[in-house]
Each structure stands twice: as C-alpha cells, then as structure tokens.
Amino acid sequence: MSIQTPDDDLPREPDPPARATDVDKQDPATPDSIPEPEASEVESARLLANQARSELGAEGFSDRRIDELASEFIARDIGEGLEEFLRWAQAEGQLPQGSGDIY
C-alpha cells in the first residue's frame, strides 16, 4: 500500500524495507535520474527480466523495455519476486512515462 506525501504526487511506501531507505531509494526519480542497479543487483535484474520475458513479451513489451523495468524494479527495491514484478511492470506499461518512443 502506498501513501501520498504532501510535497509530491508520487506514491511512496509507508514502511519501506530498511535496505531501501539506507540508500535513499524511496526518493522520486526524474527521467534524468532513474536509478540504476548497483553492481550486485545487475544479475538479479537480468534473471528477473529473463523470468518475465515470455509473459511480458506476449503482452507486447519489447526486450529492451523488460530489461529497463527489471533494472528499475531492483534498483528502487520496489518489491520481491516474479509475481510482484509482473504486476508492477504491467502497471508501468510498455512505454516509459513521458515518452513517445516505441521500444
């Protein structure tokens, strides 16, 4: 469950995991500062993308978009596991927000 804060319109987790707040991953990202996974997180993002690729690909997501979403999901510590990732990725959509580009 996310809550709104008075100073922005972006949802934030009311009780994020300690590892998320330790590195300030709950701050809203601007298009120029979307978090990248740390070296230790890159392999997790790659594995997650590969697990989700067939389902998201069947829904029209490009390989590039799936990789981007997996990297963001891991870097921002949005959730855990394939099912949470699939739900989040579907909510995020096939195109990056604010982009008219097709990936």
PDB file of N, CA and C in Angstrom:
ATOM      1  N   MET A   1       0.840  -1.172   0.000  1.00  0.00           N
ATOM      2  CA  MET A   1       0.000   0.000   0.000  1.00  0.00           C
ATOM      3  C   MET A   1       0.887   1.238   0.000  1.00  0.00           C
ATOM      4  N   SER A   2       0.631   2.138  -0.891  1.00  0.00           N
ATOM      5  CA  SER A   2       1.407   3.370  -0.994  1.00  0.00           C
ATOM      6  C   SER A   2       0.621   4.522  -0.407  1.00  0.00           C
ATOM      7  N   ILE A   3       1.352   5.524   0.038  1.00  0.00           N
ATOM      8  CA  ILE A   3       0.708   6.729   0.551  1.00  0.00           C
ATOM      9  C   ILE A   3       1.202   7.929  -0.228  1.00  0.00           C
ATOM     10  N   GLN A   4       0.429   8.978  -0.251  1.00  0.00           N
ATOM     11  CA  GLN A   4       0.829  10.215  -0.904  1.00  0.00           C
ATOM     12  C   GLN A   4       1.427  11.137   0.161  1.00  0.00           C
ATOM     13  N   THR A   5       2.451  11.839  -0.233  1.00  0.00           N
ATOM     14  CA  THR A   5       3.043  12.823   0.660  1.00  0.00           C
ATOM     15  C   THR A   5       2.619  14.196   0.180  1.00  0.00           C
ATOM     16  N   PRO A   6       2.527  15.176   1.077  1.00  0.00           N
ATOM     17  CA  PRO A   6       2.032  16.491   0.677  1.00  0.00           C
ATOM     18  C   PRO A   6       2.913  17.213  -0.334  1.00  0.00           C
ATOM     19  N   ASP A   7       4.209  16.886  -0.381  1.00  0.00           N
ATOM     20  CA  ASP A   7       5.109  17.640  -1.244  1.00  0.00           C
ATOM     21  C   ASP A   7       5.275  17.065  -2.647  1.00  0.00           C
ATOM     22  N   ASP A   8       4.590  15.955  -2.942  1.00  0.00           N
ATOM     23  CA  ASP A   8       4.668  15.429  -4.302  1.00  0.00           C
ATOM     24  C   ASP A   8       3.460  14.574  -4.624  1.00  0.00           C
ATOM     25  N   ASP A   9       3.364  14.211  -5.872  1.00  0.00           N
ATOM     26  CA  ASP A   9       2.246  13.385  -6.317  1.00  0.00           C
ATOM     27  C   ASP A   9       2.645  11.935  -6.541  1.00  0.00           C
ATOM     28  N   LEU A  10       3.854  11.572  -6.144  1.00  0.00           N
ATOM     29  CA  LEU A  10       4.332  10.224  -6.359  1.00  0.00           C
ATOM     30  C   LEU A  10       4.071   9.363  -5.133  1.00  0.00           C
ATOM     31  N   PRO A  11       3.636   8.119  -5.344  1.00  0.00           N
ATOM     32  CA  PRO A  11       3.404   7.241  -4.190  1.00  0.00           C
ATOM     33  C   PRO A  11       4.713   6.825  -3.553  1.00  0.00           C
ATOM     34  N   ARG A  12       4.685   6.662  -2.262  1.00  0.00           N
ATOM     35  CA  ARG A  12       5.842   6.163  -1.513  1.00  0.00           C
ATOM     36  C   ARG A  12       5.360   5.056  -0.593  1.00  0.00           C
ATOM     37  N   GLU A  13       6.212   4.124  -0.356  1.00  0.00           N
ATOM     38  CA  GLU A  13       5.876   3.043   0.552  1.00  0.00           C
ATOM     39  C   GLU A  13       5.841   3.586   1.981  1.00  0.00           C
ATOM     40  N   PRO A  14       4.792   3.272   2.730  1.00  0.00           N
ATOM     41  CA  PRO A  14       4.702   3.782   4.104  1.00  0.00           C
ATOM     42  C   PRO A  14       5.747   3.162   5.030  1.00  0.00           C
ATOM     43  N   ASP A  15       6.143   1.938   4.731  1.00  0.00           N
ATOM     44  CA  ASP A  15       7.126   1.250   5.569  1.00  0.00           C
ATOM     45  C   ASP A  15       8.091   0.498   4.658  1.00  0.00           C
ATOM     46  N   PRO A  16       8.969   1.242   3.945  1.00  0.00           N
ATOM     47  CA  PRO A  16       9.872   0.568   3.008  1.00  0.00           C
ATOM     48  C   PRO A  16      10.887  -0.290   3.744  1.00  0.00           C
ATOM     49  N   PRO A  17      11.405  -1.322   3.076  1.00  0.00           N
ATOM     50  CA  PRO A  17      12.446  -2.136   3.705  1.00  0.00           C
ATOM     51  C   PRO A  17      13.633  -1.259   4.094  1.00  0.00           C
ATOM     52  N   ALA A  18      14.300  -1.628   5.169  1.00  0.00           N
ATOM     53  CA  ALA A  18      15.433  -0.835   5.659  1.00  0.00           C
ATOM     54  C   ALA A  18      16.475  -0.634   4.577  1.00  0.00           C
ATOM     55  N   ARG A  19      16.698  -1.657   3.767  1.00  0.00           N
ATOM     56  CA  ARG A  19      17.724  -1.524   2.727  1.00  0.00           C
ATOM     57  C   ARG A  19      17.352  -0.465   1.696  1.00  0.00           C
ATOM     58  N   ALA A  20      16.060  -0.158   1.542  1.00  0.00           N
ATOM     59  CA  ALA A  20      15.635   0.875   0.586  1.00  0.00           C
ATOM     60  C   ALA A  20      15.911   2.271   1.133  1.00  0.00           C
ATOM     61  N   THR A  21      15.673   2.479   2.411  1.00  0.00           N
ATOM     62  CA  THR A  21      15.886   3.809   2.980  1.00  0.00           C
ATOM     63  C   THR A  21      17.349   4.056   3.301  1.00  0.00           C
ATOM     64  N   ASP A  22      18.110   2.981   3.503  1.00  0.00           N
ATOM     65  CA  ASP A  22      19.535   3.144   3.792  1.00  0.00           C
ATOM     66  C   ASP A  22      20.260   3.842   2.648  1.00  0.00           C
ATOM     67  N   VAL A  23      19.828   3.603   1.435  1.00  0.00           N
ATOM     68  CA  VAL A  23      20.478   4.215   0.282  1.00  0.00           C
ATOM     69  C   VAL A  23      19.550   5.208  -0.407  1.00  0.00           C
ATOM     70  N   ASP A  24      18.509   5.626   0.284  1.00  0.00           N
ATOM     71  CA  ASP A  24      17.602   6.670  -0.178  1.00  0.00           C
ATOM     72  C   ASP A  24      16.963   6.321  -1.516  1.00  0.00           C
ATOM     73  N   LYS A  25      16.493   5.076  -1.659  1.00  0.00           N
ATOM     74  CA  LYS A  25      15.879   4.644  -2.902  1.00  0.00           C
ATOM     75  C   LYS A  25      14.397   5.014  -2.965  1.00  0.00           C
ATOM     76  N   GLN A  26      13.861   5.621  -1.952  1.00  0.00           N
ATOM     77  CA  GLN A  26      12.455   5.988  -1.964  1.00  0.00           C
ATOM     78  C   GLN A  26      12.220   7.386  -2.510  1.00  0.00           C
ATOM     79  N   ASP A  27      13.285   8.134  -2.793  1.00  0.00           N
ATOM     80  CA  ASP A  27      13.107   9.453  -3.388  1.00  0.00           C
ATOM     81  C   ASP A  27      12.543   9.306  -4.789  1.00  0.00           C
ATOM     82  N   PRO A  28      11.642  10.192  -5.179  1.00  0.00           N
ATOM     83  CA  PRO A  28      11.100  10.097  -6.532  1.00  0.00           C
ATOM     84  C   PRO A  28      12.195  10.304  -7.572  1.00  0.00           C
ATOM     85  N   ALA A  29      12.070   9.600  -8.671  1.00  0.00           N
ATOM     86  CA  ALA A  29      13.071   9.703  -9.733  1.00  0.00           C
ATOM     87  C   ALA A  29      12.565  10.621 -10.839  1.00  0.00           C
ATOM     88  N   THR A  30      13.453  11.398 -11.356  1.00  0.00           N
ATOM     89  CA  THR A  30      13.130  12.187 -12.525  1.00  0.00           C
ATOM     90  C   THR A  30      13.628  11.410 -13.735  1.00  0.00           C
ATOM     91  N   PRO A  31      13.160  11.726 -14.928  1.00  0.00           N
ATOM     92  CA  PRO A  31      13.614  10.963 -16.091  1.00  0.00           C
ATOM     93  C   PRO A  31      15.135  10.928 -16.240  1.00  0.00           C
ATOM     94  N   ASP A  32      15.825  11.973 -15.776  1.00  0.00           N
ATOM     95  CA  ASP A  32      17.277  12.001 -15.898  1.00  0.00           C
ATOM     96  C   ASP A  32      17.980  11.231 -14.787  1.00  0.00           C
ATOM     97  N   SER A  33      17.254  10.842 -13.757  1.00  0.00           N
ATOM     98  CA  SER A  33      17.926  10.180 -12.634  1.00  0.00           C
ATOM     99  C   SER A  33      17.225   8.896 -12.219  1.00  0.00           C
ATOM    100  N   ILE A  34      16.715   8.141 -13.184  1.00  0.00           N
ATOM    101  CA  ILE A  34      16.120   6.850 -12.866  1.00  0.00           C
ATOM    102  C   ILE A  34      17.233   5.971 -12.319  1.00  0.00           C
ATOM    103  N   PRO A  35      17.001   5.353 -11.174  1.00  0.00           N
ATOM    104  CA  PRO A  35      18.073   4.600 -10.537  1.00  0.00           C
ATOM    105  C   PRO A  35      18.529   3.415 -11.379  1.00  0.00           C
ATOM    106  N   GLU A  36      19.787   3.200 -11.346  1.00  0.00           N
ATOM    107  CA  GLU A  36      20.404   2.052 -11.997  1.00  0.00           C
ATOM    108  C   GLU A  36      20.767   1.046 -10.908  1.00  0.00           C
ATOM    109  N   PRO A  37      20.659  -0.238 -11.203  1.00  0.00           N
ATOM    110  CA  PRO A  37      21.042  -1.214 -10.179  1.00  0.00           C
ATOM    111  C   PRO A  37      22.536  -1.133  -9.899  1.00  0.00           C
ATOM    112  N   GLU A  38      22.880  -1.376  -8.648  1.00  0.00           N
ATOM    113  CA  GLU A  38      24.280  -1.436  -8.270  1.00  0.00           C
ATOM    114  C   GLU A  38      24.864  -2.723  -8.846  1.00  0.00           C
ATOM    115  N   ALA A  39      26.170  -2.826  -8.845  1.00  0.00           N
ATOM    116  CA  ALA A  39      26.834  -3.998  -9.439  1.00  0.00           C
ATOM    117  C   ALA A  39      26.258  -5.304  -8.897  1.00  0.00           C
ATOM    118  N   SER A  40      26.007  -5.350  -7.616  1.00  0.00           N
ATOM    119  CA  SER A  40      25.482  -6.578  -7.011  1.00  0.00           C
ATOM    120  C   SER A  40      24.041  -6.857  -7.416  1.00  0.00           C
ATOM    121  N   GLU A  41      23.336  -5.861  -7.928  1.00  0.00           N
ATOM    122  CA  GLU A  41      21.932  -6.020  -8.304  1.00  0.00           C
ATOM    123  C   GLU A  41      21.737  -6.330  -9.789  1.00  0.00           C
ATOM    124  N   VAL A  42      22.769  -6.149 -10.583  1.00  0.00           N
ATOM    125  CA  VAL A  42      22.649  -6.323 -12.033  1.00  0.00           C
ATOM    126  C   VAL A  42      22.225  -7.743 -12.382  1.00  0.00           C
ATOM    127  N   GLU A  43      22.833  -8.724 -11.764  1.00  0.00           N
ATOM    128  CA  GLU A  43      22.492 -10.122 -12.060  1.00  0.00           C
ATOM    129  C   GLU A  43      21.053 -10.427 -11.650  1.00  0.00           C
ATOM    130  N   SER A  44      20.611  -9.899 -10.515  1.00  0.00           N
ATOM    131  CA  SER A  44      19.220 -10.101 -10.083  1.00  0.00           C
ATOM    132  C   SER A  44      18.252  -9.510 -11.100  1.00  0.00           C
ATOM    133  N   ALA A  45      18.555  -8.332 -11.605  1.00  0.00           N
ATOM    134  CA  ALA A  45      17.692  -7.692 -12.604  1.00  0.00           C
ATOM    135  C   ALA A  45      17.664  -8.506 -13.892  1.00  0.00           C
ATOM    136  N   ARG A  46      18.803  -9.022 -14.306  1.00  0.00           N
ATOM    137  CA  ARG A  46      18.873  -9.823 -15.527  1.00  0.00           C
ATOM    138  C   ARG A  46      18.054 -11.100 -15.393  1.00  0.00           C
ATOM    139  N   LEU A  47      18.189 -11.777 -14.252  1.00  0.00           N
ATOM    140  CA  LEU A  47      17.426 -13.005 -14.022  1.00  0.00           C
ATOM    141  C   LEU A  47      15.925 -12.728 -13.980  1.00  0.00           C
ATOM    142  N   LEU A  48      15.542 -11.654 -13.320  1.00  0.00           N
ATOM    143  CA  LEU A  48      14.130 -11.287 -13.232  1.00  0.00           C
ATOM    144  C   LEU A  48      13.568 -10.982 -14.619  1.00  0.00           C
ATOM    145  N   ALA A  49      14.304 -10.233 -15.413  1.00  0.00           N
ATOM    146  CA  ALA A  49      13.865  -9.909 -16.773  1.00  0.00           C
ATOM    147  C   ALA A  49      13.682 -11.190 -17.584  1.00  0.00           C
ATOM    148  N   ASN A  50      14.624 -12.117 -17.460  1.00  0.00           N
ATOM    149  CA  ASN A  50      14.526 -13.367 -18.214  1.00  0.00           C
ATOM    150  C   ASN A  50      13.330 -14.205 -17.777  1.00  0.00           C
ATOM    151  N   GLN A  51      13.023 -14.206 -16.487  1.00  0.00           N
ATOM    152  CA  GLN A  51      11.865 -14.949 -15.994  1.00  0.00           C
ATOM    153  C   GLN A  51      10.559 -14.353 -16.514  1.00  0.00           C
ATOM    154  N   ALA A  52      10.505 -13.045 -16.659  1.00  0.00           N
ATOM    155  CA  ALA A  52       9.278 -12.356 -17.053  1.00  0.00           C
ATOM    156  C   ALA A  52       9.143 -12.177 -18.555  1.00  0.00           C
ATOM    157  N   ARG A  53      10.207 -12.430 -19.292  1.00  0.00           N
ATOM    158  CA  ARG A  53      10.251 -12.089 -20.712  1.00  0.00           C
ATOM    159  C   ARG A  53       9.128 -12.727 -21.533  1.00  0.00           C
ATOM    160  N   SER A  54       8.843 -14.004 -21.320  1.00  0.00           N
ATOM    161  CA  SER A  54       7.824 -14.659 -22.152  1.00  0.00           C
ATOM    162  C   SER A  54       6.437 -14.066 -21.900  1.00  0.00           C
ATOM    163  N   GLU A  55       6.100 -13.825 -20.640  1.00  0.00           N
ATOM    164  CA  GLU A  55       4.768 -13.276 -20.337  1.00  0.00           C
ATOM    165  C   GLU A  55       4.633 -11.826 -20.780  1.00  0.00           C
ATOM    166  N   LEU A  56       5.615 -10.997 -20.445  1.00  0.00           N
ATOM    167  CA  LEU A  56       5.534  -9.586 -20.838  1.00  0.00           C
ATOM    168  C   LEU A  56       5.695  -9.425 -22.344  1.00  0.00           C
ATOM    169  N   GLY A  57       6.536 -10.256 -22.955  1.00  0.00           N
ATOM    170  CA  GLY A  57       6.706 -10.205 -24.403  1.00  0.00           C
ATOM    171  C   GLY A  57       5.409 -10.531 -25.126  1.00  0.00           C
ATOM    172  N   ALA A  58       4.658 -11.487 -24.595  1.00  0.00           N
ATOM    173  CA  ALA A  58       3.374 -11.845 -25.191  1.00  0.00           C
ATOM    174  C   ALA A  58       2.371 -10.697 -25.082  1.00  0.00           C
ATOM    175  N   GLU A  59       2.586  -9.798 -24.125  1.00  0.00           N
ATOM    176  CA  GLU A  59       1.706  -8.643 -23.950  1.00  0.00           C
ATOM    177  C   GLU A  59       2.185  -7.437 -24.753  1.00  0.00           C
ATOM    178  N   GLY A  60       3.263  -7.602 -25.503  1.00  0.00           N
ATOM    179  CA  GLY A  60       3.738  -6.533 -26.376  1.00  0.00           C
ATOM    180  C   GLY A  60       4.927  -5.749 -25.865  1.00  0.00           C
ATOM    181  N   PHE A  61       5.479  -6.122 -24.709  1.00  0.00           N
ATOM    182  CA  PHE A  61       6.656  -5.440 -24.176  1.00  0.00           C
ATOM    183  C   PHE A  61       7.885  -5.851 -24.981  1.00  0.00           C
ATOM    184  N   SER A  62       8.720  -4.887 -25.335  1.00  0.00           N
ATOM    185  CA  SER A  62       9.966  -5.203 -26.030  1.00  0.00           C
ATOM    186  C   SER A  62      10.986  -5.740 -25.031  1.00  0.00           C
ATOM    187  N   ASP A  63      11.980  -6.435 -25.540  1.00  0.00           N
ATOM    188  CA  ASP A  63      13.048  -6.938 -24.670  1.00  0.00           C
ATOM    189  C   ASP A  63      13.730  -5.782 -23.948  1.00  0.00           C
ATOM    190  N   ARG A  64      13.957  -4.700 -24.655  1.00  0.00           N
ATOM    191  CA  ARG A  64      14.618  -3.542 -24.051  1.00  0.00           C
ATOM    192  C   ARG A  64      13.789  -2.981 -22.892  1.00  0.00           C
ATOM    193  N   ARG A  65      12.485  -2.862 -23.097  1.00  0.00           N
ATOM    194  CA  ARG A  65      11.616  -2.325 -22.044  1.00  0.00           C
ATOM    195  C   ARG A  65      11.583  -3.263 -20.839  1.00  0.00           C
ATOM    196  N   ILE A  66      11.539  -4.557 -21.077  1.00  0.00           N
ATOM    197  CA  ILE A  66      11.543  -5.530 -19.975  1.00  0.00           C
ATOM    198  C   ILE A  66      12.828  -5.392 -19.163  1.00  0.00           C
ATOM    199  N   ASP A  67      13.961  -5.254 -19.848  1.00  0.00           N
ATOM    200  CA  ASP A  67      15.242  -5.073 -19.152  1.00  0.00           C
ATOM    201  C   ASP A  67      15.251  -3.788 -18.331  1.00  0.00           C
ATOM    202  N   GLU A  68      14.736  -2.695 -18.914  1.00  0.00           N
ATOM    203  CA  GLU A  68      14.677  -1.415 -18.191  1.00  0.00           C
ATOM    204  C   GLU A  68      13.807  -1.527 -16.948  1.00  0.00           C
ATOM    205  N   LEU A  69      12.640  -2.146 -17.100  1.00  0.00           N
ATOM    206  CA  LEU A  69      11.733  -2.285 -15.958  1.00  0.00           C
ATOM    207  C   LEU A  69      12.349  -3.151 -14.866  1.00  0.00           C
ATOM    208  N   ALA A  70      12.985  -4.244 -15.245  1.00  0.00           N
ATOM    209  CA  ALA A  70      13.614  -5.122 -14.251  1.00  0.00           C
ATOM    210  C   ALA A  70      14.725  -4.382 -13.511  1.00  0.00           C
ATOM    211  N   SER A  71      15.518  -3.612 -14.233  1.00  0.00           N
ATOM    212  CA  SER A  71      16.589  -2.842 -13.586  1.00  0.00           C
ATOM    213  C   SER A  71      16.016  -1.835 -12.597  1.00  0.00           C
ATOM    214  N   GLU A  72      14.966  -1.141 -13.000  1.00  0.00           N
ATOM    215  CA  GLU A  72      14.358  -0.155 -12.101  1.00  0.00           C
ATOM    216  C   GLU A  72      13.717  -0.828 -10.892  1.00  0.00           C
ATOM    217  N   PHE A  73      13.033  -1.941 -11.112  1.00  0.00           N
ATOM    218  CA  PHE A  73      12.370  -2.679 -10.033  1.00  0.00           C
ATOM    219  C   PHE A  73      13.382  -3.086  -8.964  1.00  0.00           C
ATOM    220  N   ILE A  74      14.525  -3.575  -9.408  1.00  0.00           N
ATOM    221  CA  ILE A  74      15.569  -3.999  -8.470  1.00  0.00           C
ATOM    222  C   ILE A  74      16.271  -2.795  -7.851  1.00  0.00           C
ATOM    223  N   ALA A  75      16.627  -1.810  -8.654  1.00  0.00           N
ATOM    224  CA  ALA A  75      17.378  -0.658  -8.151  1.00  0.00           C
ATOM    225  C   ALA A  75      16.583   0.138  -7.130  1.00  0.00           C
ATOM    226  N   ARG A  76      15.276   0.271  -7.344  1.00  0.00           N
ATOM    227  CA  ARG A  76      14.432   1.043  -6.426  1.00  0.00           C
ATOM    228  C   ARG A  76      13.851   0.187  -5.310  1.00  0.00           C
ATOM    229  N   ASP A  77      14.167  -1.112  -5.331  1.00  0.00           N
ATOM    230  CA  ASP A  77      13.694  -2.049  -4.302  1.00  0.00           C
ATOM    231  C   ASP A  77      12.176  -1.967  -4.177  1.00  0.00           C
ATOM    232  N   ILE A  78      11.502  -2.036  -5.317  1.00  0.00           N
ATOM    233  CA  ILE A  78      10.055  -1.874  -5.370  1.00  0.00           C
ATOM    234  C   ILE A  78       9.332  -3.075  -4.782  1.00  0.00           C
ATOM    235  N   GLY A  79       9.861  -4.227  -4.970  1.00  0.00           N
ATOM    236  CA  GLY A  79       9.215  -5.430  -4.448  1.00  0.00           C
ATOM    237  C   GLY A  79      10.150  -6.611  -4.578  1.00  0.00           C
ATOM    238  N   GLU A  80       9.560  -7.786  -4.387  1.00  0.00           N
ATOM    239  CA  GLU A  80      10.351  -9.007  -4.464  1.00  0.00           C
ATOM    240  C   GLU A  80       9.581 -10.046  -5.260  1.00  0.00           C
ATOM    241  N   GLY A  81      10.265 -10.749  -6.082  1.00  0.00           N
ATOM    242  CA  GLY A  81       9.687 -11.880  -6.774  1.00  0.00           C
ATOM    243  C   GLY A  81       9.044 -11.551  -8.106  1.00  0.00           C
ATOM    244  N   LEU A  82       8.852 -12.619  -8.865  1.00  0.00           N
ATOM    245  CA  LEU A  82       8.339 -12.506 -10.218  1.00  0.00           C
ATOM    246  C   LEU A  82       6.917 -11.954 -10.255  1.00  0.00           C
ATOM    247  N   GLU A  83       6.040 -12.452  -9.405  1.00  0.00           N
ATOM    248  CA  GLU A  83       4.643 -12.004  -9.439  1.00  0.00           C
ATOM    249  C   GLU A  83       4.515 -10.509  -9.147  1.00  0.00           C
ATOM    250  N   GLU A  84       5.241 -10.029  -8.155  1.00  0.00           N
ATOM    251  CA  GLU A  84       5.210  -8.590  -7.860  1.00  0.00           C
ATOM    252  C   GLU A  84       5.761  -7.794  -9.029  1.00  0.00           C
ATOM    253  N   PHE A  85       6.837  -8.296  -9.638  1.00  0.00           N
ATOM    254  CA  PHE A  85       7.419  -7.600 -10.776  1.00  0.00           C
ATOM    255  C   PHE A  85       6.439  -7.540 -11.939  1.00  0.00           C
ATOM    256  N   LEU A  86       5.795  -8.657 -12.241  1.00  0.00           N
ATOM    257  CA  LEU A  86       4.842  -8.675 -13.356  1.00  0.00           C
ATOM    258  C   LEU A  86       3.715  -7.675 -13.141  1.00  0.00           C
ATOM    259  N   ARG A  87       3.146  -7.649 -11.946  1.00  0.00           N
ATOM    260  CA  ARG A  87       2.068  -6.687 -11.657  1.00  0.00           C
ATOM    261  C   ARG A  87       2.563  -5.254 -11.814  1.00  0.00           C
ATOM    262  N   TRP A  88       3.746  -4.965 -11.273  1.00  0.00           N
ATOM    263  CA  TRP A  88       4.289  -3.610 -11.342  1.00  0.00           C
ATOM    264  C   TRP A  88       4.609  -3.231 -12.784  1.00  0.00           C
ATOM    265  N   ALA A  89       5.235  -4.144 -13.524  1.00  0.00           N
ATOM    266  CA  ALA A  89       5.610  -3.858 -14.911  1.00  0.00           C
ATOM    267  C   ALA A  89       4.372  -3.589 -15.764  1.00  0.00           C
ATOM    268  N   GLN A  90       3.325  -4.375 -15.567  1.00  0.00           N
ATOM    269  CA  GLN A  90       2.092  -4.168 -16.318  1.00  0.00           C
ATOM    270  C   GLN A  90       1.481  -2.813 -15.990  1.00  0.00           C
ATOM    271  N   ALA A  91       1.585  -2.397 -14.743  1.00  0.00           N
ATOM    272  CA  ALA A  91       1.067  -1.078 -14.353  1.00  0.00           C
ATOM    273  C   ALA A  91       1.912   0.044 -14.951  1.00  0.00           C
ATOM    274  N   GLU A  92       3.211  -0.174 -15.068  1.00  0.00           N
ATOM    275  CA  GLU A  92       4.111   0.831 -15.646  1.00  0.00           C
ATOM    276  C   GLU A  92       3.882   0.990 -17.146  1.00  0.00           C
ATOM    277  N   GLY A  93       3.571  -0.085 -17.820  1.00  0.00           N
ATOM    278  CA  GLY A  93       3.267  -0.032 -19.240  1.00  0.00           C
ATOM    279  C   GLY A  93       4.439  -0.313 -20.149  1.00  0.00           C
ATOM    280  N   GLN A  94       4.126  -0.373 -21.436  1.00  0.00           N
ATOM    281  CA  GLN A  94       5.113  -0.740 -22.444  1.00  0.00           C
ATOM    282  C   GLN A  94       6.059   0.395 -22.783  1.00  0.00           C
ATOM    283  N   LEU A  95       5.640   1.627 -22.534  1.00  0.00           N
ATOM    284  CA  LEU A  95       6.470   2.787 -22.855  1.00  0.00           C
ATOM    285  C   LEU A  95       6.875   3.509 -21.589  1.00  0.00           C
ATOM    286  N   PRO A  96       8.086   4.047 -21.543  1.00  0.00           N
ATOM    287  CA  PRO A  96       8.476   4.866 -20.394  1.00  0.00           C
ATOM    288  C   PRO A  96       7.543   6.066 -20.298  1.00  0.00           C
ATOM    289  N   GLN A  97       7.222   6.488 -19.079  1.00  0.00           N
ATOM    290  CA  GLN A  97       6.355   7.645 -18.881  1.00  0.00           C
ATOM    291  C   GLN A  97       6.977   8.875 -19.530  1.00  0.00           C
ATOM    292  N   GLY A  98       6.132   9.635 -20.208  1.00  0.00           N
ATOM    293  CA  GLY A  98       6.591  10.858 -20.836  1.00  0.00           C
ATOM    294  C   GLY A  98       7.326  10.640 -22.140  1.00  0.00           C
ATOM    295  N   SER A  99       7.264   9.423 -22.650  1.00  0.00           N
ATOM    296  CA  SER A  99       7.999   9.123 -23.871  1.00  0.00           C
ATOM    297  C   SER A  99       7.034   8.757 -24.981  1.00  0.00           C
ATOM    298  N   GLY A 100       7.307   9.262 -26.139  1.00  0.00           N
ATOM    299  CA  GLY A 100       6.542   8.881 -27.306  1.00  0.00           C
ATOM    300  C   GLY A 100       7.272   7.812 -28.102  1.00  0.00           C
ATOM    301  N   ASP A 101       8.449   7.413 -27.622  1.00  0.00           N
ATOM    302  CA  ASP A 101       9.267   6.446 -28.326  1.00  0.00           C
ATOM    303  C   ASP A 101       8.709   5.034 -28.146  1.00  0.00           C
ATOM    304  N   ILE A 102       8.829   4.238 -29.160  1.00  0.00           N
ATOM    305  CA  ILE A 102       8.442   2.836 -29.068  1.00  0.00           C
ATOM    306  C   ILE A 102       9.710   2.028 -28.897  1.00  0.00           C
ATOM    307  N   TYR A 103       9.683   1.155 -27.899  1.00  0.00           N
ATOM    308  CA  TYR A 103      10.855   0.324 -27.618  1.00  0.00           C
ATOM    309  C   TYR A 103      10.622  -1.082 -28.088  1.00  0.00           C
TER     310      TYR A 103
END
